[in-house]
C-alpha atoms as a PDB file:
ATOM      1  CA  MET A   1       4.597 -27.864   0.267  1.00  0.00           C
ATOM      2  CA  VAL A   2       4.895 -24.435   0.320  1.00  0.00           C
ATOM      3  CA  ASN A   3       1.681 -22.881  -0.214  1.00  0.00           C
ATOM      4  CA  LYS A   4       1.620 -20.498  -2.961  1.00  0.00           C
ATOM      5  CA  GLN A   5       0.213 -16.715  -2.502  1.00  0.00           C
ATOM      6  CA  LYS A   6      -3.264 -15.921  -3.923  1.00  0.00           C
ATOM      7  CA  ILE A   7      -3.516 -13.588  -6.176  1.00  0.00           C
ATOM      8  CA  LEU A   8      -7.148 -12.067  -7.339  1.00  0.00           C
ATOM      9  CA  ILE A   9      -7.106 -10.626 -10.854  1.00  0.00           C
ATOM     10  CA  VAL A  10     -10.280  -8.392 -11.422  1.00  0.00           C
ATOM     11  CA  ASP A  11     -10.543  -7.140 -15.213  1.00  0.00           C
ATOM     12  CA  ASP A  12     -13.470  -7.528 -17.735  1.00  0.00           C
ATOM     13  CA  ASP A  13     -10.895  -7.802 -20.286  1.00  0.00           C
ATOM     14  CA  GLU A  14     -10.385 -11.291 -20.417  1.00  0.00           C
ATOM     15  CA  ASN A  15      -6.999 -11.252 -22.675  1.00  0.00           C
ATOM     16  CA  ILE A  16      -5.514  -9.194 -20.136  1.00  0.00           C
ATOM     17  CA  ALA A  17      -6.865 -10.926 -17.186  1.00  0.00           C
ATOM     18  CA  GLU A  18      -5.252 -14.253 -18.612  1.00  0.00           C
ATOM     19  CA  LEU A  19      -1.815 -12.840 -19.416  1.00  0.00           C
ATOM     20  CA  ILE A  20      -1.442 -11.201 -16.022  1.00  0.00           C
ATOM     21  CA  SER A  21      -2.240 -14.757 -14.560  1.00  0.00           C
ATOM     22  CA  LEU A  22       0.282 -16.374 -16.808  1.00  0.00           C
ATOM     23  CA  TYR A  23       3.001 -13.593 -15.718  1.00  0.00           C
ATOM     24  CA  LEU A  24       2.135 -14.394 -12.286  1.00  0.00           C
ATOM     25  CA  THR A  25       1.880 -18.435 -12.100  1.00  0.00           C
ATOM     26  CA  LYS A  26       5.330 -18.745 -13.582  1.00  0.00           C
ATOM     27  CA  GLU A  27       6.230 -16.698 -10.764  1.00  0.00           C
ATOM     28  CA  CYS A  28       4.848 -19.351  -8.516  1.00  0.00           C
ATOM     29  CA  PHE A  29       1.786 -17.381  -7.874  1.00  0.00           C
ATOM     30  CA  ASP A  30      -1.917 -18.945  -7.076  1.00  0.00           C
ATOM     31  CA  THR A  31      -4.505 -16.897  -9.124  1.00  0.00           C
ATOM     32  CA  GLN A  32      -7.894 -16.696  -9.696  1.00  0.00           C
ATOM     33  CA  ILE A  33      -9.744 -14.020 -12.244  1.00  0.00           C
ATOM     34  CA  VAL A  34     -12.892 -12.495 -12.018  1.00  0.00           C
ATOM     35  CA  TYR A  35     -14.607 -10.161 -14.619  1.00  0.00           C
ATOM     36  CA  ASP A  36     -16.651  -7.733 -12.804  1.00  0.00           C
ATOM     37  CA  GLY A  37     -17.399  -5.773  -9.350  1.00  0.00           C
ATOM     38  CA  GLU A  38     -19.653  -8.130  -8.095  1.00  0.00           C
ATOM     39  CA  ALA A  39     -17.740 -11.492  -8.587  1.00  0.00           C
ATOM     40  CA  ALA A  40     -14.640  -9.918  -6.916  1.00  0.00           C
ATOM     41  CA  LEU A  41     -16.188  -8.998  -3.549  1.00  0.00           C
ATOM     42  CA  THR A  42     -17.732 -12.392  -3.304  1.00  0.00           C
ATOM     43  CA  ALA A  43     -14.325 -14.119  -4.806  1.00  0.00           C
ATOM     44  CA  PHE A  44     -12.105 -12.052  -2.258  1.00  0.00           C
ATOM     45  CA  GLN A  45     -14.544 -14.247   0.653  1.00  0.00           C
ATOM     46  CA  THR A  46     -14.193 -17.369  -0.722  1.00  0.00           C
ATOM     47  CA  TYR A  47     -10.743 -17.406  -1.800  1.00  0.00           C
ATOM     48  CA  GLN A  48      -9.209 -14.779   0.168  1.00  0.00           C
ATOM     49  CA  PRO A  49      -6.344 -13.714  -1.824  1.00  0.00           C
ATOM     50  CA  GLY A  50      -3.402 -12.527  -0.103  1.00  0.00           C
ATOM     51  CA  LEU A  51      -2.941  -9.443  -3.013  1.00  0.00           C
ATOM     52  CA  ILE A  52      -5.920  -7.867  -5.453  1.00  0.00           C
ATOM     53  CA  LEU A  53      -5.165  -6.875  -8.668  1.00  0.00           C
ATOM     54  CA  LEU A  54      -8.356  -4.620  -9.413  1.00  0.00           C
ATOM     55  CA  ASP A  55      -9.333  -3.052 -12.613  1.00  0.00           C
ATOM     56  CA  VAL A  56     -11.148   0.581 -12.193  1.00  0.00           C
ATOM     57  CA  MET A  57     -13.530   0.074 -15.128  1.00  0.00           C
ATOM     58  CA  LEU A  58     -15.443  -2.470 -14.448  1.00  0.00           C
ATOM     59  CA  PRO A  59     -19.198  -3.485 -15.497  1.00  0.00           C
ATOM     60  CA  GLY A  60     -21.813  -2.986 -12.623  1.00  0.00           C
ATOM     61  CA  ILE A  61     -19.918  -2.055  -9.370  1.00  0.00           C
ATOM     62  CA  ASP A  62     -16.891  -0.503 -10.489  1.00  0.00           C
ATOM     63  CA  GLY A  63     -13.296  -0.875  -9.247  1.00  0.00           C
ATOM     64  CA  TYR A  64     -13.221   2.353  -6.884  1.00  0.00           C
ATOM     65  CA  GLN A  65     -16.328   0.847  -5.167  1.00  0.00           C
ATOM     66  CA  VAL A  66     -14.755  -2.739  -5.230  1.00  0.00           C
ATOM     67  CA  CYS A  67     -11.827  -1.057  -3.312  1.00  0.00           C
ATOM     68  CA  ARG A  68     -13.736   1.235  -0.519  1.00  0.00           C
ATOM     69  CA  GLU A  69     -15.805  -1.933   0.226  1.00  0.00           C
ATOM     70  CA  ILE A  70     -12.866  -4.148   0.500  1.00  0.00           C
ATOM     71  CA  ARG A  71     -10.651  -1.674   2.448  1.00  0.00           C
ATOM     72  CA  ALA A  72     -13.847  -1.088   4.873  1.00  0.00           C
ATOM     73  CA  ARG A  73     -13.443  -5.024   6.290  1.00  0.00           C
ATOM     74  CA  SER A  74      -9.840  -5.465   5.214  1.00  0.00           C
ATOM     75  CA  GLN A  75      -6.214  -4.531   4.768  1.00  0.00           C
ATOM     76  CA  THR A  76      -5.566  -7.064   2.027  1.00  0.00           C
ATOM     77  CA  PRO A  77      -3.126  -5.099  -0.267  1.00  0.00           C
ATOM     78  CA  ILE A  78      -4.819  -3.985  -3.563  1.00  0.00           C
ATOM     79  CA  ILE A  79      -3.103  -2.789  -6.643  1.00  0.00           C
ATOM     80  CA  MET A  80      -5.585  -0.779  -9.068  1.00  0.00           C
ATOM     81  CA  LEU A  81      -4.890  -1.134 -12.860  1.00  0.00           C
ATOM     82  CA  SER A  82      -6.424   1.515 -15.264  1.00  0.00           C
ATOM     83  CA  ALA A  83      -5.780   3.143 -18.724  1.00  0.00           C
ATOM     84  CA  LYS A  84      -6.439   6.108 -16.989  1.00  0.00           C
ATOM     85  CA  GLY A  85      -3.570   8.469 -16.401  1.00  0.00           C
ATOM     86  CA  GLU A  86      -4.875  11.537 -14.541  1.00  0.00           C
ATOM     87  CA  VAL A  87      -3.264  12.365 -11.168  1.00  0.00           C
ATOM     88  CA  PHE A  88      -6.632  12.638 -10.244  1.00  0.00           C
ATOM     89  CA  ASP A  89      -7.400   9.033 -10.675  1.00  0.00           C
ATOM     90  CA  LYS A  90      -4.414   8.031  -9.159  1.00  0.00           C
ATOM     91  CA  VAL A  91      -5.021   9.797  -6.246  1.00  0.00           C
ATOM     92  CA  LEU A  92      -8.688   8.607  -5.960  1.00  0.00           C
ATOM     93  CA  GLY A  93      -7.281   4.925  -6.050  1.00  0.00           C
ATOM     94  CA  LEU A  94      -4.673   5.731  -3.509  1.00  0.00           C
ATOM     95  CA  GLU A  95      -7.328   7.929  -1.198  1.00  0.00           C
ATOM     96  CA  LEU A  96      -9.709   4.788  -1.031  1.00  0.00           C
ATOM     97  CA  GLY A  97      -6.749   2.705   0.072  1.00  0.00           C
ATOM     98  CA  ALA A  98      -5.395   1.123  -2.508  1.00  0.00           C
ATOM     99  CA  ASP A  99      -1.750   0.501  -2.141  1.00  0.00           C
ATOM    100  CA  ASP A 100      -0.288   1.255  -5.839  1.00  0.00           C
ATOM    101  CA  TYR A 101      -1.449   2.148  -9.392  1.00  0.00           C
ATOM    102  CA  ILE A 102      -0.415   0.633 -12.494  1.00  0.00           C
ATOM    103  CA  MET A 103      -1.350   1.970 -15.677  1.00  0.00           C
ATOM    104  CA  LYS A 104      -2.436  -0.144 -18.752  1.00  0.00           C
ATOM    105  CA  PRO A 105      -0.288  -1.116 -20.976  1.00  0.00           C
ATOM    106  CA  PHE A 106       2.262  -2.375 -18.546  1.00  0.00           C
ATOM    107  CA  ASP A 107       5.450  -4.039 -18.670  1.00  0.00           C
ATOM    108  CA  SER A 108       5.374  -7.410 -17.141  1.00  0.00           C
ATOM    109  CA  LYS A 109       8.540  -7.512 -15.196  1.00  0.00           C
ATOM    110  CA  GLU A 110       7.120  -4.101 -13.390  1.00  0.00           C
ATOM    111  CA  MET A 111       3.555  -5.167 -12.531  1.00  0.00           C
ATOM    112  CA  VAL A 112       5.615  -8.698 -11.296  1.00  0.00           C
ATOM    113  CA  ALA A 113       8.001  -6.542  -9.247  1.00  0.00           C
ATOM    114  CA  ARG A 114       4.928  -4.001  -7.892  1.00  0.00           C
ATOM    115  CA  VAL A 115       3.106  -7.178  -6.939  1.00  0.00           C
ATOM    116  CA  LYS A 116       6.032  -8.750  -4.749  1.00  0.00           C
ATOM    117  CA  ALA A 117       7.401  -5.207  -3.608  1.00  0.00           C
ATOM    118  CA  VAL A 118       3.674  -4.680  -1.996  1.00  0.00           C
ATOM    119  CA  LEU A 119       3.936  -8.426  -0.627  1.00  0.00           C
ATOM    120  CA  ARG A 120       6.564  -7.590   1.227  1.00  0.00           C
ATOM    121  CA  ARG A 121       5.321  -4.670   2.632  1.00  0.00           C
ATOM    122  CA  TYR A 122       2.866  -6.926   4.370  1.00  0.00           C
ATOM    123  CA  GLN A 123       5.121  -9.673   5.414  1.00  0.00           C
ATOM    124  CA  PRO A 124       7.705  -8.467   7.552  1.00  0.00           C
ATOM    125  CA  ALA A 125      10.308 -10.662   7.784  1.00  0.00           C
ATOM    126  CA  LYS A 126      10.489 -13.426   9.999  1.00  0.00           C
ATOM    127  CA  THR A 127      14.116 -14.542  10.099  1.00  0.00           C
ATOM    128  CA  GLU A 128      15.088 -11.462  12.432  1.00  0.00           C
ATOM    129  CA  SER A 129      16.738 -12.025  15.561  1.00  0.00           C
ATOM    130  CA  ARG A 130      14.677 -10.659  18.678  1.00  0.00           C
ATOM    131  CA  THR A 131      17.624  -7.950  18.942  1.00  0.00           C
ATOM    132  CA  GLU A 132      17.188  -6.781  15.703  1.00  0.00           C
ATOM    133  CA  SER A 133      13.320  -7.133  15.794  1.00  0.00           C
ATOM    134  CA  SER A 134      13.187  -4.899  19.329  1.00  0.00           C
ATOM    135  CA  SER A 135      15.160  -2.337  17.414  1.00  0.00           C
ATOM    136  CA  LYS A 136      12.248  -1.470  14.903  1.00  0.00           C
ATOM    137  CA  LYS A 137      10.294   0.393  17.437  1.00  0.00           C
ATOM    138  CA  VAL A 138      10.125   4.127  17.578  1.00  0.00           C
ATOM    139  CA  GLU A 139       8.339   5.726  20.783  1.00  0.00           C
ATOM    140  CA  TYR A 140       7.500   9.492  21.567  1.00  0.00           C
ATOM    141  CA  PRO A 141       5.218  10.480  24.315  1.00  0.00           C
ATOM    142  CA  GLY A 142       1.554   9.174  22.945  1.00  0.00           C
ATOM    143  CA  LEU A 143       3.037   7.203  20.001  1.00  0.00           C
ATOM    144  CA  ILE A 144       4.455   4.114  19.298  1.00  0.00           C
ATOM    145  CA  ILE A 145       5.290   2.841  15.888  1.00  0.00           C
ATOM    146  CA  ASN A 146       6.159  -1.167  15.627  1.00  0.00           C
ATOM    147  CA  LEU A 147       7.305  -1.962  12.395  1.00  0.00           C
ATOM    148  CA  THR A 148       8.236  -5.578  13.772  1.00  0.00           C
ATOM    149  CA  ASN A 149       4.484  -6.238  14.165  1.00  0.00           C
ATOM    150  CA  TYR A 150       3.645  -3.144  11.728  1.00  0.00           C
ATOM    151  CA  SER A 151       1.409  -1.768  14.558  1.00  0.00           C
ATOM    152  CA  VAL A 152       0.821   1.947  15.831  1.00  0.00           C
ATOM    153  CA  LEU A 153      -0.374   3.207  19.193  1.00  0.00           C
ATOM    154  CA  VAL A 154      -1.593   6.694  19.496  1.00  0.00           C
ATOM    155  CA  ASP A 155      -2.387   7.436  23.085  1.00  0.00           C
ATOM    156  CA  GLY A 156      -2.577   3.752  23.838  1.00  0.00           C
ATOM    157  CA  LYS A 157      -5.246   2.735  21.286  1.00  0.00           C
ATOM    158  CA  ASN A 158      -4.630   0.879  18.149  1.00  0.00           C
ATOM    159  CA  VAL A 159      -4.625   3.100  14.818  1.00  0.00           C
ATOM    160  CA  ASP A 160      -4.957   0.714  11.861  1.00  0.00           C
ATOM    161  CA  MET A 161      -3.098   1.594   8.664  1.00  0.00           C
ATOM    162  CA  PRO A 162      -1.780  -0.029   5.573  1.00  0.00           C
ATOM    163  CA  PRO A 163       2.074  -1.060   5.341  1.00  0.00           C
ATOM    164  CA  LYS A 164       3.318   1.902   3.052  1.00  0.00           C
ATOM    165  CA  GLU A 165       1.532   4.752   5.479  1.00  0.00           C
ATOM    166  CA  LEU A 166       3.100   2.602   8.479  1.00  0.00           C
ATOM    167  CA  GLU A 167       6.625   2.364   7.096  1.00  0.00           C
ATOM    168  CA  LEU A 168       6.437   6.612   5.983  1.00  0.00           C
ATOM    169  CA  LEU A 169       5.524   6.907   9.409  1.00  0.00           C
ATOM    170  CA  TYR A 170       8.228   5.071  10.862  1.00  0.00           C
ATOM    171  CA  PHE A 171      11.077   6.334   8.347  1.00  0.00           C
ATOM    172  CA  LEU A 172      10.276   9.998   9.672  1.00  0.00           C
ATOM    173  CA  ALA A 173       9.731   9.226  12.956  1.00  0.00           C
ATOM    174  CA  SER A 174      13.188   7.425  12.906  1.00  0.00           C
ATOM    175  CA  SER A 175      14.699  10.632  11.893  1.00  0.00           C
ATOM    176  CA  PRO A 176      13.402  13.410  13.678  1.00  0.00           C
ATOM    177  CA  ASN A 177      13.358  17.024  12.842  1.00  0.00           C
ATOM    178  CA  GLN A 178      15.499  15.739   9.626  1.00  0.00           C
ATOM    179  CA  VAL A 179      13.814  17.271   6.633  1.00  0.00           C
ATOM    180  CA  PHE A 180      13.073  14.680   3.174  1.00  0.00           C
ATOM    181  CA  THR A 181      12.127  15.486  -0.213  1.00  0.00           C
ATOM    182  CA  ARG A 182       9.439  14.111  -1.961  1.00  0.00           C
ATOM    183  CA  GLU A 183      11.603  11.875  -4.715  1.00  0.00           C
ATOM    184  CA  GLN A 184      13.831  11.169  -1.606  1.00  0.00           C
ATOM    185  CA  LEU A 185      10.451   9.347   0.499  1.00  0.00           C
ATOM    186  CA  LEU A 186       9.357   7.511  -2.439  1.00  0.00           C
ATOM    187  CA  ASP A 187      12.571   6.247  -3.225  1.00  0.00           C
ATOM    188  CA  HIS A 188      12.943   4.835   0.474  1.00  0.00           C
ATOM    189  CA  ILE A 189       9.615   3.920   1.385  1.00  0.00           C
ATOM    190  CA  TRP A 190       8.302   2.129  -2.251  1.00  0.00           C
ATOM    191  CA  GLY A 191      11.845   0.563  -2.768  1.00  0.00           C
ATOM    192  CA  TYR A 192      11.823   0.262  -6.407  1.00  0.00           C
ATOM    193  CA  GLU A 193      11.610   2.254  -9.351  1.00  0.00           C
ATOM    194  CA  TYR A 194       8.340   4.074  -8.776  1.00  0.00           C
ATOM    195  CA  ILE A 195       6.910   5.236 -11.875  1.00  0.00           C
ATOM    196  CA  GLY A 196       4.274   7.769 -10.616  1.00  0.00           C
ATOM    197  CA  ASP A 197       4.494  11.344  -9.398  1.00  0.00           C
ATOM    198  CA  THR A 198       5.000  12.790  -6.132  1.00  0.00           C
ATOM    199  CA  ARG A 199       1.683  13.169  -5.245  1.00  0.00           C
ATOM    200  CA  THR A 200       1.622   9.842  -3.960  1.00  0.00           C
ATOM    201  CA  VAL A 201       3.638  10.968  -0.866  1.00  0.00           C
ATOM    202  CA  ASP A 202       1.074  13.937  -0.403  1.00  0.00           C
ATOM    203  CA  VAL A 203      -1.407  11.704  -0.378  1.00  0.00           C
ATOM    204  CA  HIS A 204       0.027   8.910   2.254  1.00  0.00           C
ATOM    205  CA  ILE A 205       1.018  12.397   4.726  1.00  0.00           C
ATOM    206  CA  LYS A 206      -2.816  13.718   4.479  1.00  0.00           C
ATOM    207  CA  ARG A 207      -4.340  10.239   5.531  1.00  0.00           C
ATOM    208  CA  LEU A 208      -1.311  10.023   8.267  1.00  0.00           C
ATOM    209  CA  ARG A 209      -2.495  13.496   9.873  1.00  0.00           C
ATOM    210  CA  GLU A 210      -5.894  12.528   9.828  1.00  0.00           C
ATOM    211  CA  LYS A 211      -4.871   9.074  11.138  1.00  0.00           C
ATOM    212  CA  ILE A 212      -2.433  10.562  14.385  1.00  0.00           C
ATOM    213  CA  GLY A 213      -3.524  13.810  14.092  1.00  0.00           C
ATOM    214  CA  ASP A 214      -0.777  16.362  16.138  1.00  0.00           C
ATOM    215  CA  HIS A 215       0.523  15.889  19.759  1.00  0.00           C
ATOM    216  CA  ALA A 216       1.965  18.572  22.033  1.00  0.00           C
ATOM    217  CA  ALA A 217       5.269  16.373  21.715  1.00  0.00           C
ATOM    218  CA  TRP A 218       5.260  15.743  17.946  1.00  0.00           C
ATOM    219  CA  ASN A 219       3.891  16.353  14.835  1.00  0.00           C
ATOM    220  CA  LEU A 220       3.997  15.510  10.769  1.00  0.00           C
ATOM    221  CA  GLY A 221       5.598  19.039   9.106  1.00  0.00           C
ATOM    222  CA  THR A 222       5.743  20.229   5.760  1.00  0.00           C
ATOM    223  CA  VAL A 223       8.785  22.136   4.656  1.00  0.00           C
ATOM    224  CA  TRP A 224       6.902  24.352   1.580  1.00  0.00           C
ATOM    225  CA  GLY A 225       8.620  23.619  -1.752  1.00  0.00           C
ATOM    226  CA  ILE A 226      10.597  20.741  -0.244  1.00  0.00           C
ATOM    227  CA  GLY A 227       9.310  17.671   1.877  1.00  0.00           C
ATOM    228  CA  TYR A 228       8.363  16.781   4.957  1.00  0.00           C
ATOM    229  CA  LYS A 229       9.911  15.723   8.377  1.00  0.00           C
ATOM    230  CA  PHE A 230       8.574  14.692  11.754  1.00  0.00           C
ATOM    231  CA  GLU A 231       8.937  17.351  14.083  1.00  0.00           C
ATOM    232  CA  ALA A 232       9.749  16.470  17.944  1.00  0.00           C
ATOM    233  CA  LYS A 233       8.860  19.208  20.048  1.00  0.00           C
END
């Protein structure tokens, strides 16, 4: 018997939570619902979900704080849910470590597609041959990006980062000195029709720079008015 992927649903609106659970159950996911931030943190430990759908506006501890506390100890993927549509709210969720941000009301098919897409990023394909797997590595002086086991080494030290950040870095580093627009990066990295804005790319680039810094042999460059590139010197 195949173990079902566990999804923790955190939303104080019982109707919305039940509806999300219904859609995901139909897609053969196992779900658990909680209605506030404290319960979410407890369920995270006991239920051990593979992904969390997390509402922003929660009684007690809000979704942002829940995201911050979970991200401090785990890389479990988090998709934020919110009726807020301002760019600031989206960026804040992403900066706290969320992997995606869905605005309410949302289309059920889109929600399921995003859940599956995020989960795929946390589960590199296990069917690749050794030859195929070995090719999914990019190396520069002081930098090794391995897409097979989702690891990044900077000067020999492991740097933790969510899959989207790692995939963005790998994609750029795989084509050194080539400029990509924000729209191209959204299309390549997110892998589905991303409904949002290009600030998402800016946020991920900012986090990458904070984590890997610059090197004498390489850096993440900005091409003003166009996009970004991985500069190999």
